[in-house]
Structure formats: C-alpha cells, structure tokens
Amino acid sequence: MKGQSHPKWNGGVKVNKSGVFIRLNPGTSYARYEKLARVLVAENIGRKLTPEEVVHHLNGENKDNQLENLLLLPNQSEHARLHIGAINERRWHSCPLSKE
C-alpha cells in the first residue's frame, strides 16, 4: 500500500531536516515536496507561486502556517529588506537614547 490508500497516510505532510513543514505536491507525476506555507498561500490566492516569490512568516515561527501569519513577497530582495527593517527597529528600541 502506498500514498492515500496507506492506513498511516497523513495528507503527504512531513517535517524536513530544517524543521519546516513540507507537503507532497499531488500535481506532479513524481514525488515532489514543497514548503507547506507556499502551498497554502498558492491555494489561497488561486494560482501557483513563481520561483522568485517568497512566503514570510510574520511571527518568525516556520511551523506556524496559519494564513494570518503568512506574507507573500515578490522576491528575496524584499524579504531581506523586511528583515533588515526589523533588525534596525529592534536596535532603535534597545538604544538607551530612544524615548520608547
């Protein structure tokens, strides 16, 4: 028994070595796993994501794949810009001269 007919079938979802949920892509004729966050965003917007598009986890938890926690970015440059902004924001708030 293989796949969906197996009694231990879990929907094709597993955790990779990096601790990220991945899901078997049923749209291919070969076994191909994709990051679950990308699959969920693609299903939500009704189209496949381009290879350049990046899904960001807003709370930083890669295992939290709730749609409210996922942000689709057009490319890795925008993703890096988002992280650099967050790092600079943390530095500002921890600065002793900051009034916040």
Protein backbone atom coordinates (compact mmCIF):
# COMPACT_ATOMS: atom_id res chain seq x y z
CA MET A 1 0.00 0.00 0.00
CA LYS A 2 1.24 3.45 -0.89
CA GLY A 3 0.03 7.03 -0.68
CA GLN A 4 -3.58 7.75 0.19
CA SER A 5 -4.52 4.10 0.46
CA HIS A 6 -1.96 3.52 3.24
CA PRO A 7 -3.55 3.41 6.75
CA LYS A 8 -0.92 5.84 8.11
CA TRP A 9 -1.43 8.44 5.33
CA ASN A 10 -1.19 11.95 6.82
CA GLY A 11 -2.02 14.03 3.78
CA GLY A 12 1.53 13.96 2.46
CA VAL A 13 2.79 16.38 5.14
CA LYS A 14 6.11 15.87 6.91
CA VAL A 15 8.84 17.94 8.56
CA ASN A 16 12.14 18.39 6.71
CA LYS A 17 15.62 18.50 8.27
CA SER A 18 15.29 22.27 8.85
CA GLY A 19 12.08 21.79 10.84
CA VAL A 20 9.84 23.22 8.12
CA PHE A 21 6.57 21.52 7.18
CA ILE A 22 6.54 20.27 3.60
CA ARG A 23 3.72 18.64 1.62
CA LEU A 24 3.71 16.25 -1.28
CA ASN A 25 2.59 18.08 -4.39
CA PRO A 26 -0.17 15.97 -5.93
CA GLY A 27 0.02 17.92 -9.22
CA THR A 28 3.21 16.17 -10.31
CA SER A 29 3.81 12.70 -11.65
CA TYR A 30 6.85 12.30 -9.40
CA ALA A 31 7.33 12.67 -5.65
CA ARG A 32 7.96 16.38 -5.10
CA TYR A 33 7.62 18.10 -1.77
CA GLU A 34 7.02 21.83 -1.38
CA LYS A 35 7.07 24.05 1.68
CA LEU A 36 3.60 23.93 3.17
CA ALA A 37 3.47 27.72 3.56
CA ARG A 38 3.95 28.16 -0.20
CA VAL A 39 1.25 25.58 -0.96
CA LEU A 40 -1.25 27.26 1.39
CA VAL A 41 -0.61 30.76 0.01
CA ALA A 42 -0.90 29.50 -3.57
CA GLU A 43 -4.21 27.80 -2.78
CA ASN A 44 -5.44 30.97 -1.06
CA ILE A 45 -4.67 33.30 -3.97
CA GLY A 46 -5.75 30.77 -6.60
CA ARG A 47 -2.51 30.46 -8.57
CA LYS A 48 0.94 28.88 -8.41
CA LEU A 49 3.69 31.00 -6.91
CA THR A 50 6.60 31.99 -9.11
CA PRO A 51 10.02 30.69 -8.07
CA GLU A 52 11.03 34.27 -7.19
CA GLU A 53 8.17 34.81 -4.74
CA VAL A 54 8.91 34.32 -1.04
CA VAL A 55 6.48 33.48 1.77
CA HIS A 56 7.44 35.18 5.04
CA HIS A 57 6.23 34.03 8.47
CA LEU A 58 5.25 37.21 10.31
CA ASN A 59 5.84 35.80 13.79
CA GLY A 60 9.12 34.12 12.79
CA GLU A 61 7.78 30.63 13.52
CA ASN A 62 8.26 28.48 10.40
CA LYS A 63 5.88 25.86 11.77
CA ASP A 64 3.01 28.37 12.15
CA ASN A 65 1.34 28.17 8.75
CA GLN A 66 -1.89 29.99 9.55
CA LEU A 67 -2.76 32.30 6.65
CA GLU A 68 -2.82 35.28 9.05
CA ASN A 69 0.87 34.60 9.75
CA LEU A 70 1.96 34.38 6.10
CA LEU A 71 3.02 37.29 3.90
CA LEU A 72 3.72 36.88 0.18
CA LEU A 73 6.67 38.94 -1.04
CA PRO A 74 7.65 39.39 -4.69
CA ASN A 75 11.30 38.35 -4.28
CA GLN A 76 14.16 37.62 -1.89
CA SER A 77 15.33 41.27 -2.01
CA GLU A 78 12.03 42.45 -0.50
CA HIS A 79 12.24 39.65 2.05
CA ALA A 80 15.74 40.75 3.08
CA ARG A 81 14.58 44.37 3.25
CA LEU A 82 11.82 43.33 5.63
CA HIS A 83 14.29 41.55 7.91
CA ILE A 84 16.78 44.44 7.81
CA GLY A 85 13.97 46.81 8.79
CA ALA A 86 13.02 44.57 11.71
CA ILE A 87 16.64 44.38 12.88
CA ASN A 88 17.00 48.16 12.71
CA GLU A 89 13.70 48.60 14.57
CA ARG A 90 14.93 46.35 17.41
CA ARG A 91 18.20 48.26 17.60
CA TRP A 92 16.33 51.55 17.83
CA HIS A 93 14.11 50.34 20.67
CA SER A 94 17.07 48.94 22.61
CA CYS A 95 19.09 52.14 22.19
CA PRO A 96 19.47 53.99 25.52
CA LEU A 97 18.85 57.28 23.68
CA SER A 98 15.49 56.08 22.37
CA LYS A 99 12.49 57.64 24.13
CA GLU A 100 10.40 54.49 23.60
